């Protein structure tokens, strides 16, 4: 990307603020549809059940090691915008140019 870190953070903030959370009814419809899809996949033989015992000890972390990378400052990208969202403010911080 050719955008500066500040420009990327502002873009990320605008994208986050543009998201509308789904209503409870929309969430319920989504999860019912997902559950039906999974049940149909099981019934059609496209998926199989895996017990919790079978999953114990399965490798979960590190499966993409060496395949992707993140910038060193990844943990702090968009921090001001995220803090404002957690504090209840949806309005992006305005920069003042004297």
Protein backbone atom coordinates (compact mmCIF):
# COMPACT_ATOMS: atom_id res chain seq x y z
CA UNK A 1 0.00 0.00 0.00
CA UNK A 2 1.19 3.45 -0.79
CA UNK A 3 -0.91 5.17 1.87
CA UNK A 4 0.83 6.50 4.95
CA UNK A 5 0.14 4.85 8.29
CA UNK A 6 -2.03 7.82 9.26
CA UNK A 7 -4.05 7.64 6.03
CA UNK A 8 -4.54 3.89 6.47
CA UNK A 9 -5.69 4.42 10.06
CA UNK A 10 -8.17 7.10 8.95
CA UNK A 11 -9.47 4.82 6.19
CA UNK A 12 -9.86 1.94 8.65
CA UNK A 13 -11.68 4.24 11.07
CA UNK A 14 -14.11 5.36 8.34
CA UNK A 15 -14.76 1.75 7.36
CA UNK A 16 -15.40 0.72 10.97
CA UNK A 17 -17.74 3.65 11.53
CA UNK A 18 -19.63 2.85 8.32
CA UNK A 19 -20.64 -0.58 9.58
CA UNK A 20 -24.12 -0.96 10.92
CA UNK A 21 -24.55 -3.72 13.43
CA UNK A 22 -27.28 -6.17 12.44
CA UNK A 23 -30.47 -6.18 14.48
CA UNK A 24 -31.26 -9.07 16.84
CA UNK A 25 -33.75 -10.35 14.28
CA UNK A 26 -31.12 -10.26 11.49
CA UNK A 27 -28.63 -12.04 13.75
CA UNK A 28 -31.17 -14.72 14.58
CA UNK A 29 -32.00 -15.23 10.88
CA UNK A 30 -28.29 -15.52 10.08
CA UNK A 31 -27.61 -18.12 12.78
CA UNK A 32 -30.73 -20.15 11.95
CA UNK A 33 -29.69 -20.22 8.26
CA UNK A 34 -26.13 -21.23 9.25
CA UNK A 35 -27.39 -23.99 11.54
CA UNK A 36 -29.70 -25.31 8.80
CA UNK A 37 -26.83 -25.28 6.30
CA UNK A 38 -24.59 -27.22 8.67
CA UNK A 39 -27.33 -29.74 9.46
CA UNK A 40 -28.02 -30.26 5.76
CA UNK A 41 -24.29 -30.75 5.10
CA UNK A 42 -24.22 -33.42 7.81
CA UNK A 43 -27.32 -35.15 6.43
CA UNK A 44 -26.00 -35.03 2.85
CA UNK A 45 -22.62 -36.44 3.85
CA UNK A 46 -20.77 -33.24 2.91
CA UNK A 47 -19.59 -32.85 6.49
CA UNK A 48 -18.97 -35.16 9.40
CA UNK A 49 -19.25 -34.79 13.13
CA UNK A 50 -16.07 -34.45 15.17
CA UNK A 51 -16.20 -35.08 18.89
CA UNK A 52 -14.53 -32.82 21.40
CA UNK A 53 -12.21 -35.72 22.27
CA UNK A 54 -11.03 -35.91 18.65
CA UNK A 55 -10.23 -32.19 18.67
CA UNK A 56 -8.12 -32.29 21.81
CA UNK A 57 -4.50 -31.72 20.94
CA UNK A 58 -5.29 -30.65 17.39
CA UNK A 59 -2.98 -27.95 16.11
CA UNK A 60 -4.93 -24.70 15.99
CA UNK A 61 -2.32 -21.96 16.13
CA UNK A 62 0.52 -21.52 13.71
CA UNK A 63 -1.07 -23.27 10.76
CA UNK A 64 -0.28 -20.23 8.56
CA UNK A 65 3.22 -19.62 9.92
CA UNK A 66 5.35 -17.97 7.27
CA UNK A 67 2.38 -17.48 4.93
CA UNK A 68 1.27 -14.02 6.06
CA UNK A 69 2.86 -11.02 7.71
CA UNK A 70 1.68 -7.95 9.57
CA UNK A 71 3.40 -4.61 10.10
CA UNK A 72 5.29 -4.14 13.34
CA UNK A 73 2.81 -1.47 14.46
CA UNK A 74 -0.25 -3.62 13.67
CA UNK A 75 -1.41 -3.70 17.30
CA UNK A 76 -1.62 0.10 17.43
CA UNK A 77 -3.26 0.79 14.04
CA UNK A 78 -6.44 2.79 14.49
CA UNK A 79 -6.04 2.85 18.28
CA UNK A 80 -7.53 6.34 18.74
CA UNK A 81 -10.61 5.48 16.66
CA UNK A 82 -11.08 2.16 18.41
CA UNK A 83 -10.84 3.81 21.83
CA UNK A 84 -13.44 6.40 20.82
CA UNK A 85 -15.75 3.58 19.71
CA UNK A 86 -15.28 1.75 23.02
CA UNK A 87 -15.97 4.98 24.87
CA UNK A 88 -19.24 5.43 22.98
CA UNK A 89 -18.27 8.16 20.53
CA UNK A 90 -18.95 7.40 16.86
CA UNK A 91 -17.74 10.75 15.60
CA UNK A 92 -14.22 10.60 14.06
CA UNK A 93 -11.63 12.90 15.54
CA UNK A 94 -11.19 16.04 13.44
CA UNK A 95 -7.71 17.35 12.66
CA UNK A 96 -7.41 21.11 12.87
CA UNK A 97 -5.10 22.84 10.41
CA UNK A 98 -4.21 26.35 11.66
